[in-house]
Amino acid sequence: MGYLSPDSAAALAALASADAPLERLAAIRTAIAALEADPATLQAVRDARADGADWGTVAEAAGLGTAAAKWRWQGTDADAASGSARRPSIFGCPAASSAPRPSNSPTDAGTSGYSRTTDVRRVIHS
């Protein structure tokens, strides 16, 4: 598989030679991460789109929904490679996109599961 990066090829070789259960598990997870980050993945998407494949077909081949495939690979190559540069902000506040979810924040009694942080963002950004 000459089209894969050296990191992906090494991860697949490690997976093929893994024997112990935890070694196999670690090798599987490493191979998945390497293949997801491999430039060959993005190039395959670009080639398929150039050949006339629509986003639904690309999504099906990748095991994703159409919106997820577009989010992951649409835009410039740099956008698609980084992924994080295109992460949407919440309430128009870029810092909010990396804030913990309300379910991970302590709540006050009687607030129906909303944290103070969520309530403050609603007031500030409304």
N, C-alpha and C. Protein backbone atom coordinates (compact mmCIF):
# COMPACT_ATOMS: atom_id res chain seq x y z
N MET A 1 0.85 -1.19 0.00
CA MET A 1 0.00 0.00 0.00
C MET A 1 0.89 1.24 0.00
N GLY A 2 1.44 1.52 -1.15
CA GLY A 2 2.37 2.63 -1.29
C GLY A 2 1.75 4.00 -1.10
N TYR A 3 0.44 4.09 -1.08
CA TYR A 3 -0.21 5.39 -0.94
C TYR A 3 -0.34 5.83 0.52
N LEU A 4 -0.10 4.93 1.47
CA LEU A 4 -0.21 5.28 2.90
C LEU A 4 1.07 5.94 3.39
N SER A 5 0.92 6.79 4.37
CA SER A 5 2.08 7.44 4.99
C SER A 5 2.89 6.41 5.75
N PRO A 6 4.15 6.71 6.02
CA PRO A 6 4.97 5.78 6.83
C PRO A 6 4.37 5.49 8.20
N ASP A 7 3.72 6.50 8.82
CA ASP A 7 3.09 6.28 10.13
C ASP A 7 1.95 5.26 10.04
N SER A 8 1.13 5.38 9.00
CA SER A 8 0.02 4.44 8.83
C SER A 8 0.53 3.04 8.52
N ALA A 9 1.54 2.95 7.67
CA ALA A 9 2.11 1.64 7.32
C ALA A 9 2.70 0.98 8.56
N ALA A 10 3.39 1.76 9.40
CA ALA A 10 3.97 1.21 10.62
C ALA A 10 2.88 0.76 11.59
N ALA A 11 1.81 1.54 11.69
CA ALA A 11 0.71 1.18 12.60
C ALA A 11 0.03 -0.11 12.14
N LEU A 12 -0.14 -0.29 10.84
CA LEU A 12 -0.74 -1.52 10.31
C LEU A 12 0.19 -2.72 10.51
N ALA A 13 1.49 -2.50 10.35
CA ALA A 13 2.45 -3.59 10.59
C ALA A 13 2.44 -4.00 12.06
N ALA A 14 2.36 -3.02 12.95
CA ALA A 14 2.29 -3.32 14.39
C ALA A 14 1.01 -4.08 14.72
N LEU A 15 -0.09 -3.71 14.07
CA LEU A 15 -1.35 -4.40 14.28
C LEU A 15 -1.26 -5.86 13.81
N ALA A 16 -0.66 -6.06 12.67
CA ALA A 16 -0.54 -7.42 12.12
C ALA A 16 0.31 -8.32 13.01
N SER A 17 1.26 -7.73 13.73
CA SER A 17 2.15 -8.55 14.56
C SER A 17 1.75 -8.59 16.03
N ALA A 18 0.70 -7.90 16.41
CA ALA A 18 0.26 -7.88 17.81
C ALA A 18 -0.31 -9.22 18.22
N ASP A 19 0.09 -9.72 19.39
CA ASP A 19 -0.37 -11.02 19.86
C ASP A 19 -1.25 -10.94 21.09
N ALA A 20 -0.78 -10.26 22.13
CA ALA A 20 -1.51 -10.20 23.39
C ALA A 20 -2.77 -9.34 23.23
N PRO A 21 -3.83 -9.63 23.98
CA PRO A 21 -5.09 -8.89 23.82
C PRO A 21 -4.94 -7.37 23.97
N LEU A 22 -4.23 -6.92 24.99
CA LEU A 22 -4.08 -5.46 25.17
C LEU A 22 -3.16 -4.87 24.12
N GLU A 23 -2.20 -5.64 23.67
CA GLU A 23 -1.33 -5.19 22.59
C GLU A 23 -2.14 -5.01 21.31
N ARG A 24 -3.05 -5.96 21.04
CA ARG A 24 -3.92 -5.85 19.87
C ARG A 24 -4.84 -4.64 19.98
N LEU A 25 -5.42 -4.44 21.17
CA LEU A 25 -6.30 -3.30 21.37
C LEU A 25 -5.57 -1.99 21.11
N ALA A 26 -4.39 -1.85 21.70
CA ALA A 26 -3.60 -0.63 21.50
C ALA A 26 -3.24 -0.47 20.03
N ALA A 27 -2.87 -1.56 19.36
CA ALA A 27 -2.50 -1.48 17.96
C ALA A 27 -3.69 -1.11 17.08
N ILE A 28 -4.86 -1.62 17.41
CA ILE A 28 -6.08 -1.25 16.66
C ILE A 28 -6.35 0.23 16.78
N ARG A 29 -6.32 0.75 18.00
CA ARG A 29 -6.61 2.18 18.22
C ARG A 29 -5.55 3.06 17.54
N THR A 30 -4.29 2.64 17.59
CA THR A 30 -3.21 3.40 16.94
C THR A 30 -3.40 3.39 15.43
N ALA A 31 -3.76 2.24 14.87
CA ALA A 31 -3.98 2.16 13.42
C ALA A 31 -5.15 3.03 12.99
N ILE A 32 -6.23 3.03 13.76
CA ILE A 32 -7.39 3.88 13.44
C ILE A 32 -6.98 5.35 13.41
N ALA A 33 -6.27 5.78 14.44
CA ALA A 33 -5.84 7.19 14.52
C ALA A 33 -4.90 7.54 13.36
N ALA A 34 -3.98 6.64 13.05
CA ALA A 34 -3.03 6.91 11.97
C ALA A 34 -3.75 7.00 10.62
N LEU A 35 -4.69 6.10 10.38
CA LEU A 35 -5.41 6.13 9.11
C LEU A 35 -6.32 7.35 8.99
N GLU A 36 -6.94 7.75 10.10
CA GLU A 36 -7.79 8.95 10.07
C GLU A 36 -6.97 10.20 9.73
N ALA A 37 -5.73 10.25 10.22
CA ALA A 37 -4.88 11.42 9.99
C ALA A 37 -4.07 11.31 8.70
N ASP A 38 -4.10 10.18 8.04
CA ASP A 38 -3.27 9.95 6.85
C ASP A 38 -3.74 10.83 5.69
N PRO A 39 -2.82 11.51 5.03
CA PRO A 39 -3.19 12.30 3.85
C PRO A 39 -3.88 11.47 2.77
N ALA A 40 -3.65 10.16 2.74
CA ALA A 40 -4.29 9.30 1.74
C ALA A 40 -5.80 9.29 1.91
N THR A 41 -6.29 9.46 3.15
CA THR A 41 -7.73 9.48 3.39
C THR A 41 -8.35 10.71 2.70
N LEU A 42 -7.76 11.87 2.96
CA LEU A 42 -8.26 13.09 2.33
C LEU A 42 -8.12 13.02 0.82
N GLN A 43 -7.02 12.47 0.33
CA GLN A 43 -6.82 12.37 -1.12
C GLN A 43 -7.84 11.45 -1.75
N ALA A 44 -8.20 10.37 -1.06
CA ALA A 44 -9.23 9.47 -1.58
C ALA A 44 -10.58 10.19 -1.70
N VAL A 45 -10.89 11.03 -0.71
CA VAL A 45 -12.13 11.82 -0.77
C VAL A 45 -12.07 12.79 -1.94
N ARG A 46 -10.96 13.50 -2.07
CA ARG A 46 -10.82 14.47 -3.17
C ARG A 46 -10.93 13.76 -4.52
N ASP A 47 -10.28 12.59 -4.66
CA ASP A 47 -10.34 11.85 -5.93
C ASP A 47 -11.76 11.38 -6.23
N ALA A 48 -12.46 10.89 -5.20
CA ALA A 48 -13.84 10.44 -5.40
C ALA A 48 -14.74 11.59 -5.82
N ARG A 49 -14.57 12.74 -5.18
CA ARG A 49 -15.39 13.92 -5.54
C ARG A 49 -15.07 14.36 -6.96
N ALA A 50 -13.79 14.34 -7.34
CA ALA A 50 -13.40 14.73 -8.69
C ALA A 50 -13.96 13.76 -9.73
N ASP A 51 -14.14 12.50 -9.34
CA ASP A 51 -14.72 11.49 -10.23
C ASP A 51 -16.24 11.56 -10.27
N GLY A 52 -16.84 12.49 -9.52
CA GLY A 52 -18.28 12.69 -9.59
C GLY A 52 -19.08 12.14 -8.42
N ALA A 53 -18.42 11.58 -7.41
CA ALA A 53 -19.15 11.07 -6.25
C ALA A 53 -19.76 12.24 -5.46
N ASP A 54 -21.02 12.08 -5.05
CA ASP A 54 -21.62 13.12 -4.23
C ASP A 54 -21.27 12.85 -2.76
N TRP A 55 -21.61 13.82 -1.89
CA TRP A 55 -21.26 13.69 -0.48
C TRP A 55 -21.94 12.49 0.18
N GLY A 56 -23.13 12.14 -0.26
CA GLY A 56 -23.82 10.98 0.30
C GLY A 56 -23.07 9.69 0.03
N THR A 57 -22.51 9.57 -1.17
CA THR A 57 -21.75 8.38 -1.54
C THR A 57 -20.44 8.33 -0.75
N VAL A 58 -19.77 9.47 -0.63
CA VAL A 58 -18.54 9.54 0.16
C VAL A 58 -18.83 9.17 1.61
N ALA A 59 -19.92 9.71 2.15
CA ALA A 59 -20.29 9.44 3.53
C ALA A 59 -20.56 7.96 3.75
N GLU A 60 -21.27 7.34 2.82
CA GLU A 60 -21.57 5.91 2.94
C GLU A 60 -20.30 5.08 2.93
N ALA A 61 -19.36 5.41 2.05
CA ALA A 61 -18.09 4.68 1.98
C ALA A 61 -17.29 4.82 3.27
N ALA A 62 -17.41 5.97 3.91
CA ALA A 62 -16.66 6.25 5.14
C ALA A 62 -17.39 5.80 6.40
N GLY A 63 -18.64 5.38 6.25
CA GLY A 63 -19.41 4.98 7.42
C GLY A 63 -19.85 6.17 8.26
N LEU A 64 -20.08 7.29 7.60
CA LEU A 64 -20.49 8.53 8.27
C LEU A 64 -21.81 9.01 7.69
N GLY A 65 -22.42 9.96 8.38
CA GLY A 65 -23.55 10.67 7.82
C GLY A 65 -23.04 11.70 6.82
N THR A 66 -23.92 12.16 5.95
CA THR A 66 -23.51 13.14 4.94
C THR A 66 -22.96 14.41 5.57
N ALA A 67 -23.64 14.92 6.59
CA ALA A 67 -23.17 16.16 7.24
C ALA A 67 -21.80 15.95 7.88
N ALA A 68 -21.58 14.80 8.48
CA ALA A 68 -20.28 14.53 9.11
C ALA A 68 -19.17 14.45 8.08
N ALA A 69 -19.45 13.83 6.94
CA ALA A 69 -18.44 13.75 5.88
C ALA A 69 -18.10 15.13 5.34
N LYS A 70 -19.11 15.95 5.12
CA LYS A 70 -18.87 17.32 4.66
C LYS A 70 -18.05 18.10 5.68
N TRP A 71 -18.44 17.98 6.96
CA TRP A 71 -17.75 18.73 8.01
C TRP A 71 -16.28 18.30 8.06
N ARG A 72 -16.04 17.03 7.88
CA ARG A 72 -14.69 16.49 8.01
C ARG A 72 -13.81 16.85 6.83
N TRP A 73 -14.35 16.84 5.60
CA TRP A 73 -13.50 16.93 4.42
C TRP A 73 -13.80 18.07 3.47
N GLN A 74 -14.86 18.84 3.68
CA GLN A 74 -15.16 19.94 2.77
C GLN A 74 -14.29 21.13 3.13
N GLY A 75 -13.99 21.97 2.17
CA GLY A 75 -13.16 23.15 2.42
C GLY A 75 -11.77 22.92 1.85
N THR A 76 -10.82 23.74 2.32
CA THR A 76 -9.45 23.60 1.83
C THR A 76 -8.81 22.36 2.44
N ASP A 77 -7.70 21.94 1.87
CA ASP A 77 -6.98 20.79 2.41
C ASP A 77 -6.52 21.07 3.84
N ALA A 78 -6.09 22.30 4.11
CA ALA A 78 -5.64 22.65 5.46
C ALA A 78 -6.80 22.57 6.45
N ASP A 79 -7.98 23.05 6.05
CA ASP A 79 -9.16 22.95 6.92
C ASP A 79 -9.49 21.51 7.23
N ALA A 80 -9.53 20.69 6.19
CA ALA A 80 -9.90 19.28 6.37
C ALA A 80 -8.87 18.53 7.20
N ALA A 81 -7.59 18.86 7.01
CA ALA A 81 -6.53 18.17 7.74
C ALA A 81 -6.55 18.52 9.22
N SER A 82 -6.87 19.79 9.55
CA SER A 82 -6.85 20.20 10.95
C SER A 82 -8.15 19.89 11.67
N GLY A 83 -9.28 20.01 10.97
CA GLY A 83 -10.58 19.73 11.59
C GLY A 83 -10.94 20.74 12.65
N SER A 84 -10.04 21.03 13.57
CA SER A 84 -10.36 21.92 14.68
C SER A 84 -10.54 23.37 14.23
N ALA A 85 -9.93 23.75 13.12
CA ALA A 85 -10.06 25.13 12.65
C ALA A 85 -11.48 25.44 12.21
N ARG A 86 -12.27 24.38 11.90
CA ARG A 86 -13.62 24.59 11.41
C ARG A 86 -14.67 24.25 12.45
N ARG A 87 -14.25 23.98 13.67
CA ARG A 87 -15.20 23.64 14.71
C ARG A 87 -16.11 24.85 14.97
N PRO A 88 -17.41 24.66 14.94
CA PRO A 88 -18.31 25.81 15.12
C PRO A 88 -18.29 26.32 16.56
N SER A 89 -18.50 27.61 16.70
CA SER A 89 -18.57 28.17 18.04
C SER A 89 -20.00 28.04 18.56
N ILE A 90 -20.14 28.11 19.86
CA ILE A 90 -21.44 28.01 20.50
C ILE A 90 -21.84 29.41 20.93
N PHE A 91 -23.04 29.84 20.62
CA PHE A 91 -23.56 31.16 20.98
C PHE A 91 -22.68 32.28 20.43
N GLY A 92 -21.95 32.04 19.34
CA GLY A 92 -21.11 33.06 18.76
C GLY A 92 -19.87 33.36 19.58
N CYS A 93 -19.57 32.54 20.54
CA CYS A 93 -18.44 32.78 21.44
C CYS A 93 -17.43 31.65 21.24
N PRO A 94 -16.29 31.90 20.56
CA PRO A 94 -15.35 30.82 20.28
C PRO A 94 -14.88 30.07 21.52
N ALA A 95 -14.72 30.73 22.64
CA ALA A 95 -14.25 30.05 23.86
C ALA A 95 -15.27 29.04 24.36
N ALA A 96 -16.53 29.26 24.03
CA ALA A 96 -17.58 28.37 24.52
C ALA A 96 -17.50 26.99 23.89
N SER A 97 -16.89 26.89 22.68
CA SER A 97 -16.86 25.60 22.02
C SER A 97 -15.96 24.60 22.74
N SER A 98 -15.06 25.08 23.58
CA SER A 98 -14.19 24.15 24.30
C SER A 98 -14.57 24.06 25.78
N ALA A 99 -15.65 24.68 26.16
CA ALA A 99 -16.10 24.64 27.55
C ALA A 99 -16.75 23.29 27.84
N PRO A 100 -16.76 22.88 29.09
CA PRO A 100 -17.39 21.60 29.43
C PRO A 100 -18.90 21.64 29.18
N ARG A 101 -19.46 20.49 28.92
CA ARG A 101 -20.90 20.39 28.74
C ARG A 101 -21.58 20.66 30.08
N PRO A 102 -22.81 21.13 30.05
CA PRO A 102 -23.53 21.38 31.30
C PRO A 102 -23.60 20.15 32.19
N SER A 103 -23.69 18.97 31.61
CA SER A 103 -23.78 17.76 32.42
C SER A 103 -22.49 17.47 33.17
N ASN A 104 -21.39 18.11 32.75
CA ASN A 104 -20.10 17.91 33.42
C ASN A 104 -19.84 18.98 34.48
N SER A 105 -20.72 19.94 34.58
CA SER A 105 -20.54 21.03 35.53
C SER A 105 -21.45 20.83 36.73
N PRO A 106 -21.01 21.27 37.91
CA PRO A 106 -21.89 21.16 39.08
C PRO A 106 -23.14 22.01 38.87
N THR A 107 -24.24 21.57 39.43
CA THR A 107 -25.48 22.32 39.28
C THR A 107 -26.00 22.76 40.63
N ASP A 108 -26.78 23.79 40.61
CA ASP A 108 -27.49 24.24 41.81
C ASP A 108 -28.81 23.50 41.89
N ALA A 109 -29.29 23.28 43.07
CA ALA A 109 -30.60 22.63 43.23
C ALA A 109 -31.67 23.50 42.60
N GLY A 110 -32.57 22.88 41.88
CA GLY A 110 -33.69 23.61 41.30
C GLY A 110 -33.41 24.26 39.97
N THR A 111 -32.26 24.03 39.35
CA THR A 111 -31.96 24.66 38.06
C THR A 111 -32.23 23.72 36.89
N SER A 112 -32.88 22.61 37.11
CA SER A 112 -33.27 21.66 36.06
C SER A 112 -32.08 21.15 35.27
N GLY A 113 -30.94 20.96 35.93
CA GLY A 113 -29.80 20.38 35.26
C GLY A 113 -28.90 21.36 34.54
N TYR A 114 -29.22 22.64 34.52
CA TYR A 114 -28.36 23.61 33.88
C TYR A 114 -27.35 24.12 34.88
N SER A 115 -26.14 24.32 34.41
CA SER A 115 -25.11 24.86 35.30
C SER A 115 -25.17 26.38 35.27
N ARG A 116 -24.54 26.98 36.22
CA ARG A 116 -24.46 28.45 36.22
C ARG A 116 -23.75 28.94 34.98
N THR A 117 -22.73 28.21 34.54
CA THR A 117 -21.97 28.61 33.35
C THR A 117 -22.88 28.69 32.13
N THR A 118 -23.73 27.70 31.94
CA THR A 118 -24.64 27.70 30.80
C THR A 118 -25.62 28.86 30.90
N ASP A 119 -26.17 29.10 32.09
CA ASP A 119 -27.12 30.18 32.27
C ASP A 119 -26.46 31.54 32.02
N VAL A 120 -25.22 31.72 32.48
CA VAL A 120 -24.51 32.98 32.26
C VAL A 120 -24.27 33.19 30.78
N ARG A 121 -23.88 32.15 30.06
CA ARG A 121 -23.65 32.29 28.61
C ARG A 121 -24.93 32.70 27.90
N ARG A 122 -26.05 32.15 28.31
CA ARG A 122 -27.32 32.51 27.69
C ARG A 122 -27.61 33.99 27.88
N VAL A 123 -27.36 34.51 29.07
CA VAL A 123 -27.62 35.91 29.36
C VAL A 123 -26.64 36.79 28.61
N ILE A 124 -25.37 36.46 28.63
CA ILE A 124 -24.34 37.28 28.00
C ILE A 124 -24.52 37.34 26.48
N HIS A 125 -24.84 36.21 25.88
CA HIS A 125 -24.88 36.14 24.43
C HIS A 125 -26.27 36.24 23.84
N SER A 126 -27.24 36.68 24.62
CA SER A 126 -28.60 36.79 24.08
C SER A 126 -28.88 38.19 23.59
